[in-house]
């Protein structure tokens, strides 16, 4: 009479339970793969950001040197039209 007390514990119930566990394991596996892909993408983005920040720093320094250090010297030279004789 134990089957009368627990009628839901049938072979088909256990089969569905095993199937559900396998589906969950498959989903967990796929999610772990996607997490690895996302972490790799993040690592690539961080490296790209560092490289872009470095390039930006170099360009900002170049602009500073051009505007603050070289502009004064360039202003003291005659212009190209003047050198060619148009003015």
PDB file of N, CA and C in Angstrom:
ATOM      1  N   UNK A   1       0.786  -1.201   0.000  1.00  0.00           N
ATOM      2  CA  UNK A   1       0.000   0.000   0.000  1.00  0.00           C
ATOM      3  C   UNK A   1       0.840   1.283   0.000  1.00  0.00           C
ATOM      4  N   UNK A   2       2.162   1.210  -0.043  1.00  0.00           N
ATOM      5  CA  UNK A   2       2.923   2.456  -0.052  1.00  0.00           C
ATOM      6  C   UNK A   2       2.636   3.308  -1.283  1.00  0.00           C
ATOM      7  N   UNK A   3       2.266   2.701  -2.385  1.00  0.00           N
ATOM      8  CA  UNK A   3       1.953   3.482  -3.579  1.00  0.00           C
ATOM      9  C   UNK A   3       0.703   4.324  -3.395  1.00  0.00           C
ATOM     10  N   UNK A   4      -0.165   3.926  -2.528  1.00  0.00           N
ATOM     11  CA  UNK A   4      -1.367   4.714  -2.285  1.00  0.00           C
ATOM     12  C   UNK A   4      -1.050   5.974  -1.494  1.00  0.00           C
ATOM     13  N   UNK A   5      -0.019   5.894  -0.661  1.00  0.00           N
ATOM     14  CA  UNK A   5       0.358   7.072   0.129  1.00  0.00           C
ATOM     15  C   UNK A   5       1.085   8.104  -0.726  1.00  0.00           C
ATOM     16  N   UNK A   6       1.887   7.634  -1.677  1.00  0.00           N
ATOM     17  CA  UNK A   6       2.674   8.531  -2.517  1.00  0.00           C
ATOM     18  C   UNK A   6       2.411   8.235  -3.992  1.00  0.00           C
ATOM     19  N   UNK A   7       1.246   8.553  -4.476  1.00  0.00           N
ATOM     20  CA  UNK A   7       0.907   8.187  -5.857  1.00  0.00           C
ATOM     21  C   UNK A   7       1.730   8.941  -6.897  1.00  0.00           C
ATOM     22  N   UNK A   8       2.321  10.076  -6.563  1.00  0.00           N
ATOM     23  CA  UNK A   8       3.059  10.854  -7.566  1.00  0.00           C
ATOM     24  C   UNK A   8       4.452  10.299  -7.821  1.00  0.00           C
ATOM     25  N   UNK A   9       4.967   9.465  -6.952  1.00  0.00           N
ATOM     26  CA  UNK A   9       6.297   8.896  -7.146  1.00  0.00           C
ATOM     27  C   UNK A   9       6.220   7.664  -8.033  1.00  0.00           C
ATOM     28  N   UNK A  10       5.961   7.899  -9.287  1.00  0.00           N
ATOM     29  CA  UNK A  10       5.852   6.824 -10.273  1.00  0.00           C
ATOM     30  C   UNK A  10       7.101   6.841 -11.142  1.00  0.00           C
ATOM     31  N   UNK A  11       7.344   5.816 -11.917  1.00  0.00           N
ATOM     32  CA  UNK A  11       8.499   5.827 -12.819  1.00  0.00           C
ATOM     33  C   UNK A  11       8.483   7.016 -13.783  1.00  0.00           C
ATOM     34  N   UNK A  12       7.323   7.385 -14.264  1.00  0.00           N
ATOM     35  CA  UNK A  12       7.263   8.541 -15.178  1.00  0.00           C
ATOM     36  C   UNK A  12       7.628   9.836 -14.457  1.00  0.00           C
ATOM     37  N   UNK A  13       7.288   9.942 -13.181  1.00  0.00           N
ATOM     38  CA  UNK A  13       7.672  11.119 -12.401  1.00  0.00           C
ATOM     39  C   UNK A  13       9.188  11.210 -12.310  1.00  0.00           C
ATOM     40  N   UNK A  14       9.835  10.078 -11.995  1.00  0.00           N
ATOM     41  CA  UNK A  14      11.294  10.078 -11.880  1.00  0.00           C
ATOM     42  C   UNK A  14      11.955  10.329 -13.234  1.00  0.00           C
ATOM     43  N   UNK A  15      11.361   9.841 -14.299  1.00  0.00           N
ATOM     44  CA  UNK A  15      11.892  10.094 -15.636  1.00  0.00           C
ATOM     45  C   UNK A  15      11.825  11.583 -15.966  1.00  0.00           C
ATOM     46  N   UNK A  16      10.701  12.218 -15.649  1.00  0.00           N
ATOM     47  CA  UNK A  16      10.576  13.671 -15.867  1.00  0.00           C
ATOM     48  C   UNK A  16      11.583  14.425 -15.014  1.00  0.00           C
ATOM     49  N   UNK A  17      11.778  13.960 -13.798  1.00  0.00           N
ATOM     50  CA  UNK A  17      12.722  14.606 -12.891  1.00  0.00           C
ATOM     51  C   UNK A  17      14.149  14.509 -13.437  1.00  0.00           C
ATOM     52  N   UNK A  18      14.531  13.339 -13.912  1.00  0.00           N
ATOM     53  CA  UNK A  18      15.865  13.148 -14.497  1.00  0.00           C
ATOM     54  C   UNK A  18      16.022  14.014 -15.742  1.00  0.00           C
ATOM     55  N   UNK A  19      14.989  14.082 -16.565  1.00  0.00           N
ATOM     56  CA  UNK A  19      15.028  14.921 -17.768  1.00  0.00           C
ATOM     57  C   UNK A  19      15.200  16.389 -17.398  1.00  0.00           C
ATOM     58  N   UNK A  20      14.490  16.822 -16.395  1.00  0.00           N
ATOM     59  CA  UNK A  20      14.596  18.217 -15.955  1.00  0.00           C
ATOM     60  C   UNK A  20      15.990  18.516 -15.413  1.00  0.00           C
ATOM     61  N   UNK A  21      16.561  17.597 -14.665  1.00  0.00           N
ATOM     62  CA  UNK A  21      17.920  17.787 -14.139  1.00  0.00           C
ATOM     63  C   UNK A  21      18.911  17.907 -15.290  1.00  0.00           C
ATOM     64  N   UNK A  22      18.767  17.071 -16.308  1.00  0.00           N
ATOM     65  CA  UNK A  22      19.664  17.147 -17.474  1.00  0.00           C
ATOM     66  C   UNK A  22      19.508  18.478 -18.204  1.00  0.00           C
ATOM     67  N   UNK A  23      18.282  18.954 -18.333  1.00  0.00           N
ATOM     68  CA  UNK A  23      18.054  20.253 -18.977  1.00  0.00           C
ATOM     69  C   UNK A  23      18.707  21.373 -18.173  1.00  0.00           C
ATOM     70  N   UNK A  24      18.596  21.290 -16.864  1.00  0.00           N
ATOM     71  CA  UNK A  24      19.210  22.314 -16.005  1.00  0.00           C
ATOM     72  C   UNK A  24      20.726  22.260 -16.136  1.00  0.00           C
ATOM     73  N   UNK A  25      21.296  21.064 -16.149  1.00  0.00           N
ATOM     74  CA  UNK A  25      22.748  20.930 -16.316  1.00  0.00           C
ATOM     75  C   UNK A  25      23.195  21.483 -17.661  1.00  0.00           C
ATOM     76  N   UNK A  26      22.423  21.222 -18.703  1.00  0.00           N
ATOM     77  CA  UNK A  26      22.741  21.747 -20.029  1.00  0.00           C
ATOM     78  C   UNK A  26      22.669  23.273 -20.037  1.00  0.00           C
ATOM     79  N   UNK A  27      21.652  23.810 -19.401  1.00  0.00           N
ATOM     80  CA  UNK A  27      21.511  25.268 -19.319  1.00  0.00           C
ATOM     81  C   UNK A  27      22.672  25.885 -18.548  1.00  0.00           C
ATOM     82  N   UNK A  28      23.064  25.271 -17.450  1.00  0.00           N
ATOM     83  CA  UNK A  28      24.198  25.766 -16.655  1.00  0.00           C
ATOM     84  C   UNK A  28      25.470  25.740 -17.498  1.00  0.00           C
ATOM     85  N   UNK A  29      25.666  24.669 -18.252  1.00  0.00           N
ATOM     86  CA  UNK A  29      26.846  24.561 -19.117  1.00  0.00           C
ATOM     87  C   UNK A  29      26.862  25.688 -20.159  1.00  0.00           C
ATOM     88  N   UNK A  30      25.720  25.920 -20.798  1.00  0.00           N
ATOM     89  CA  UNK A  30      25.633  26.988 -21.802  1.00  0.00           C
ATOM     90  C   UNK A  30      25.858  28.359 -21.173  1.00  0.00           C
ATOM     91  N   UNK A  31      25.314  28.559 -19.985  1.00  0.00           N
ATOM     92  CA  UNK A  31      25.503  29.843 -19.304  1.00  0.00           C
ATOM     93  C   UNK A  31      26.969  30.058 -18.931  1.00  0.00           C
ATOM     94  N   UNK A  32      27.647  28.994 -18.517  1.00  0.00           N
ATOM     95  CA  UNK A  32      29.080  29.116 -18.194  1.00  0.00           C
ATOM     96  C   UNK A  32      29.891  29.465 -19.438  1.00  0.00           C
ATOM     97  N   UNK A  33      29.528  28.862 -20.570  1.00  0.00           N
ATOM     98  CA  UNK A  33      30.206  29.201 -21.825  1.00  0.00           C
ATOM     99  C   UNK A  33      29.980  30.666 -22.182  1.00  0.00           C
ATOM    100  N   UNK A  34      28.745  31.121 -22.041  1.00  0.00           N
ATOM    101  CA  UNK A  34      28.444  32.528 -22.345  1.00  0.00           C
ATOM    102  C   UNK A  34      29.162  33.462 -21.385  1.00  0.00           C
ATOM    103  N   UNK A  35      29.282  33.057 -20.124  1.00  0.00           N
ATOM    104  CA  UNK A  35      30.016  33.864 -19.151  1.00  0.00           C
ATOM    105  C   UNK A  35      31.482  33.975 -19.548  1.00  0.00           C
ATOM    106  N   UNK A  36      32.087  32.860 -19.974  1.00  0.00           N
ATOM    107  CA  UNK A  36      33.481  32.903 -20.422  1.00  0.00           C
ATOM    108  C   UNK A  36      33.641  33.828 -21.621  1.00  0.00           C
ATOM    109  N   UNK A  37      32.710  33.746 -22.569  1.00  0.00           N
ATOM    110  CA  UNK A  37      32.758  34.634 -23.736  1.00  0.00           C
ATOM    111  C   UNK A  37      32.643  36.095 -23.307  1.00  0.00           C
ATOM    112  N   UNK A  38      31.737  36.376 -22.389  1.00  0.00           N
ATOM    113  CA  UNK A  38      31.550  37.752 -21.914  1.00  0.00           C
ATOM    114  C   UNK A  38      32.795  38.245 -21.189  1.00  0.00           C
ATOM    115  N   UNK A  39      33.419  37.382 -20.389  1.00  0.00           N
ATOM    116  CA  UNK A  39      34.638  37.780 -19.680  1.00  0.00           C
ATOM    117  C   UNK A  39      35.776  38.034 -20.659  1.00  0.00           C
ATOM    118  N   UNK A  40      35.881  37.206 -21.705  1.00  0.00           N
ATOM    119  CA  UNK A  40      36.905  37.434 -22.729  1.00  0.00           C
ATOM    120  C   UNK A  40      36.658  38.746 -23.464  1.00  0.00           C
ATOM    121  N   UNK A  41      35.401  39.021 -23.781  1.00  0.00           N
ATOM    122  CA  UNK A  41      35.061  40.276 -24.446  1.00  0.00           C
ATOM    123  C   UNK A  41      35.393  41.464 -23.554  1.00  0.00           C
ATOM    124  N   UNK A  42      35.080  41.347 -22.271  1.00  0.00           N
ATOM    125  CA  UNK A  42      35.395  42.423 -21.334  1.00  0.00           C
ATOM    126  C   UNK A  42      36.897  42.656 -21.271  1.00  0.00           C
ATOM    127  N   UNK A  43      37.672  41.582 -21.228  1.00  0.00           N
ATOM    128  CA  UNK A  43      39.127  41.712 -21.178  1.00  0.00           C
ATOM    129  C   UNK A  43      39.648  42.422 -22.429  1.00  0.00           C
ATOM    130  N   UNK A  44      39.096  42.075 -23.585  1.00  0.00           N
ATOM    131  CA  UNK A  44      39.489  42.733 -24.829  1.00  0.00           C
ATOM    132  C   UNK A  44      39.120  44.211 -24.801  1.00  0.00           C
ATOM    133  N   UNK A  45      37.932  44.523 -24.309  1.00  0.00           N
ATOM    134  CA  UNK A  45      37.503  45.925 -24.226  1.00  0.00           C
ATOM    135  C   UNK A  45      38.382  46.725 -23.273  1.00  0.00           C
ATOM    136  N   UNK A  46      38.773  46.133 -22.164  1.00  0.00           N
ATOM    137  CA  UNK A  46      39.643  46.832 -21.207  1.00  0.00           C
ATOM    138  C   UNK A  46      40.999  47.122 -21.851  1.00  0.00           C
ATOM    139  N   UNK A  47      41.551  46.137 -22.574  1.00  0.00           N
ATOM    140  CA  UNK A  47      42.833  46.349 -23.258  1.00  0.00           C
ATOM    141  C   UNK A  47      42.708  47.451 -24.303  1.00  0.00           C
ATOM    142  N   UNK A  48      41.602  47.440 -25.052  1.00  0.00           N
ATOM    143  CA  UNK A  48      41.377  48.472 -26.065  1.00  0.00           C
ATOM    144  C   UNK A  48      41.255  49.843 -25.419  1.00  0.00           C
ATOM    145  N   UNK A  49      40.557  49.915 -24.292  1.00  0.00           N
ATOM    146  CA  UNK A  49      40.394  51.185 -23.581  1.00  0.00           C
ATOM    147  C   UNK A  49      41.744  51.721 -23.125  1.00  0.00           C
ATOM    148  N   UNK A  50      42.585  50.851 -22.578  1.00  0.00           N
ATOM    149  CA  UNK A  50      43.914  51.273 -22.121  1.00  0.00           C
ATOM    150  C   UNK A  50      44.729  51.802 -23.299  1.00  0.00           C
ATOM    151  N   UNK A  51      44.676  51.098 -24.432  1.00  0.00           N
ATOM    152  CA  UNK A  51      45.419  51.538 -25.612  1.00  0.00           C
ATOM    153  C   UNK A  51      44.902  52.882 -26.114  1.00  0.00           C
ATOM    154  N   UNK A  52      43.581  53.064 -26.143  1.00  0.00           N
ATOM    155  CA  UNK A  52      43.006  54.336 -26.594  1.00  0.00           C
ATOM    156  C   UNK A  52      43.353  55.477 -25.648  1.00  0.00           C
ATOM    157  N   UNK A  53      43.324  55.202 -24.345  1.00  0.00           N
ATOM    158  CA  UNK A  53      43.698  56.236 -23.378  1.00  0.00           C
ATOM    159  C   UNK A  53      45.156  56.630 -23.545  1.00  0.00           C
ATOM    160  N   UNK A  54      46.018  55.652 -23.838  1.00  0.00           N
ATOM    161  CA  UNK A  54      47.438  55.942 -24.066  1.00  0.00           C
ATOM    162  C   UNK A  54      47.600  56.807 -25.319  1.00  0.00           C
ATOM    163  N   UNK A  55      46.918  56.420 -26.407  1.00  0.00           N
ATOM    164  CA  UNK A  55      46.976  57.210 -27.639  1.00  0.00           C
ATOM    165  C   UNK A  55      46.464  58.629 -27.413  1.00  0.00           C
ATOM    166  N   UNK A  56      45.371  58.757 -26.677  1.00  0.00           N
ATOM    167  CA  UNK A  56      44.806  60.071 -26.390  1.00  0.00           C
ATOM    168  C   UNK A  56      45.783  60.920 -25.586  1.00  0.00           C
ATOM    169  N   UNK A  57      46.457  60.314 -24.642  1.00  0.00           N
ATOM    170  CA  UNK A  57      47.442  61.028 -23.829  1.00  0.00           C
ATOM    171  C   UNK A  57      48.585  61.546 -24.701  1.00  0.00           C
ATOM    172  N   UNK A  58      49.052  60.708 -25.614  1.00  0.00           N
ATOM    173  CA  UNK A  58      50.134  61.125 -26.517  1.00  0.00           C
ATOM    174  C   UNK A  58      49.671  62.280 -27.397  1.00  0.00           C
ATOM    175  N   UNK A  59      48.458  62.184 -27.924  1.00  0.00           N
ATOM    176  CA  UNK A  59      47.945  63.248 -28.796  1.00  0.00           C
ATOM    177  C   UNK A  59      47.721  64.547 -28.025  1.00  0.00           C
ATOM    178  N   UNK A  60      47.229  64.439 -26.804  1.00  0.00           N
ATOM    179  CA  UNK A  60      47.034  65.642 -25.987  1.00  0.00           C
ATOM    180  C   UNK A  60      48.380  66.301 -25.698  1.00  0.00           C
ATOM    181  N   UNK A  61      49.392  65.507 -25.417  1.00  0.00           N
ATOM    182  CA  UNK A  61      50.726  66.051 -25.169  1.00  0.00           C
ATOM    183  C   UNK A  61      51.287  66.690 -26.436  1.00  0.00           C
ATOM    184  N   UNK A  62      51.049  66.064 -27.581  1.00  0.00           N
ATOM    185  CA  UNK A  62      51.514  66.632 -28.850  1.00  0.00           C
ATOM    186  C   UNK A  62      50.850  67.976 -29.123  1.00  0.00           C
ATOM    187  N   UNK A  63      49.542  68.060 -28.870  1.00  0.00           N
ATOM    188  CA  UNK A  63      48.844  69.337 -29.053  1.00  0.00           C
ATOM    189  C   UNK A  63      49.377  70.400 -28.105  1.00  0.00           C
ATOM    190  N   UNK A  64      49.625  70.017 -26.868  1.00  0.00           N
ATOM    191  CA  UNK A  64      50.181  70.957 -25.900  1.00  0.00           C
ATOM    192  C   UNK A  64      51.527  71.479 -26.391  1.00  0.00           C
ATOM    193  N   UNK A  65      52.401  70.566 -26.815  1.00  0.00           N
ATOM    194  CA  UNK A  65      53.719  70.993 -27.299  1.00  0.00           C
ATOM    195  C   UNK A  65      53.583  71.912 -28.502  1.00  0.00           C
ATOM    196  N   UNK A  66      52.672  71.576 -29.415  1.00  0.00           N
ATOM    197  CA  UNK A  66      52.489  72.389 -30.607  1.00  0.00           C
ATOM    198  C   UNK A  66      51.971  73.778 -30.256  1.00  0.00           C
ATOM    199  N   UNK A  67      50.950  73.840 -29.395  1.00  0.00           N
ATOM    200  CA  UNK A  67      50.333  75.129 -29.086  1.00  0.00           C
ATOM    201  C   UNK A  67      51.182  75.975 -28.147  1.00  0.00           C
ATOM    202  N   UNK A  68      51.775  75.361 -27.152  1.00  0.00           N
ATOM    203  CA  UNK A  68      52.482  76.134 -26.128  1.00  0.00           C
ATOM    204  C   UNK A  68      53.958  76.351 -26.447  1.00  0.00           C
ATOM    205  N   UNK A  69      54.577  75.408 -27.097  1.00  0.00           N
ATOM    206  CA  UNK A  69      56.020  75.505 -27.323  1.00  0.00           C
ATOM    207  C   UNK A  69      56.366  75.960 -28.741  1.00  0.00           C
ATOM    208  N   UNK A  70      55.614  75.496 -29.721  1.00  0.00           N
ATOM    209  CA  UNK A  70      55.979  75.769 -31.112  1.00  0.00           C
ATOM    210  C   UNK A  70      55.257  76.972 -31.713  1.00  0.00           C
ATOM    211  N   UNK A  71      54.053  77.271 -31.225  1.00  0.00           N
ATOM    212  CA  UNK A  71      53.255  78.338 -31.824  1.00  0.00           C
ATOM    213  C   UNK A  71      53.994  79.674 -31.770  1.00  0.00           C
ATOM    214  N   UNK A  72      54.647  79.935 -30.671  1.00  0.00           N
ATOM    215  CA  UNK A  72      55.385  81.192 -30.553  1.00  0.00           C
ATOM    216  C   UNK A  72      56.467  81.317 -31.609  1.00  0.00           C
ATOM    217  N   UNK A  73      57.186  80.229 -31.850  1.00  0.00           N
ATOM    218  CA  UNK A  73      58.237  80.273 -32.875  1.00  0.00           C
ATOM    219  C   UNK A  73      57.632  80.435 -34.259  1.00  0.00           C
ATOM    220  N   UNK A  74      56.532  79.763 -34.535  1.00  0.00           N
ATOM    221  CA  UNK A  74      55.910  79.856 -35.858  1.00  0.00           C
ATOM    222  C   UNK A  74      55.389  81.265 -36.129  1.00  0.00           C
ATOM    223  N   UNK A  75      54.907  81.927 -35.085  1.00  0.00           N
ATOM    224  CA  UNK A  75      54.384  83.286 -35.280  1.00  0.00           C
ATOM    225  C   UNK A  75      55.493  84.257 -35.666  1.00  0.00           C
ATOM    226  N   UNK A  76      56.718  83.965 -35.276  1.00  0.00           N
ATOM    227  CA  UNK A  76      57.816  84.880 -35.585  1.00  0.00           C
ATOM    228  C   UNK A  76      58.333  84.699 -37.011  1.00  0.00           C
ATOM    229  N   UNK A  77      58.007  83.577 -37.653  1.00  0.00           N
ATOM    230  CA  UNK A  77      58.431  83.364 -39.036  1.00  0.00           C
ATOM    231  C   UNK A  77      57.459  84.062 -39.979  1.00  0.00           C
ATOM    232  N   UNK A  78      57.943  84.520 -41.112  1.00  0.00           N
ATOM    233  CA  UNK A  78      57.031  85.128 -42.091  1.00  0.00           C
ATOM    234  C   UNK A  78      56.108  84.061 -42.693  1.00  0.00           C
ATOM    235  N   UNK A  79      54.949  84.510 -43.146  1.00  0.00           N
ATOM    236  CA  UNK A  79      53.975  83.581 -43.719  1.00  0.00           C
ATOM    237  C   UNK A  79      54.445  83.106 -45.094  1.00  0.00           C
ATOM    238  N   UNK A  80      53.858  82.026 -45.567  1.00  0.00           N
ATOM    239  CA  UNK A  80      54.229  81.471 -46.878  1.00  0.00           C
ATOM    240  C   UNK A  80      53.973  82.471 -48.002  1.00  0.00           C
ATOM    241  N   UNK A  81      52.789  83.132 -48.048  1.00  0.00           N
ATOM    242  CA  UNK A  81      52.589  84.119 -49.135  1.00  0.00           C
ATOM    243  C   UNK A  81      53.634  85.235 -49.095  1.00  0.00           C
ATOM    244  N   UNK A  82      54.032  85.638 -47.923  1.00  0.00           N
ATOM    245  CA  UNK A  82      55.035  86.701 -47.808  1.00  0.00           C
ATOM    246  C   UNK A  82      56.386  86.206 -48.312  1.00  0.00           C
ATOM    247  N   UNK A  83      56.721  84.959 -47.992  1.00  0.00           N
ATOM    248  CA  UNK A  83      57.985  84.401 -48.468  1.00  0.00           C
ATOM    249  C   UNK A  83      58.005  84.276 -49.987  1.00  0.00           C
ATOM    250  N   UNK A  84      56.854  83.969 -50.562  1.00  0.00           N
ATOM    251  CA  UNK A  84      56.767  83.804 -52.012  1.00  0.00           C
ATOM    252  C   UNK A  84      56.748  85.165 -52.708  1.00  0.00           C
ATOM    253  N   UNK A  85      56.380  86.195 -51.972  1.00  0.00           N
ATOM    254  CA  UNK A  85      56.415  87.531 -52.528  1.00  0.00           C
ATOM    255  C   UNK A  85      55.068  88.092 -52.909  1.00  0.00           C
ATOM    256  N   UNK A  86      53.979  87.514 -52.406  1.00  0.00           N
ATOM    257  CA  UNK A  86      52.645  88.006 -52.742  1.00  0.00           C
ATOM    258  C   UNK A  86      52.183  89.128 -51.832  1.00  0.00           C
ATOM    259  N   UNK A  87      52.894  89.418 -50.760  1.00  0.00           N
ATOM    260  CA  UNK A  87      52.436  90.495 -49.886  1.00  0.00           C
ATOM    261  C   UNK A  87      53.494  91.530 -49.702  1.00  0.00           C
TER     262      UNK A  87
END
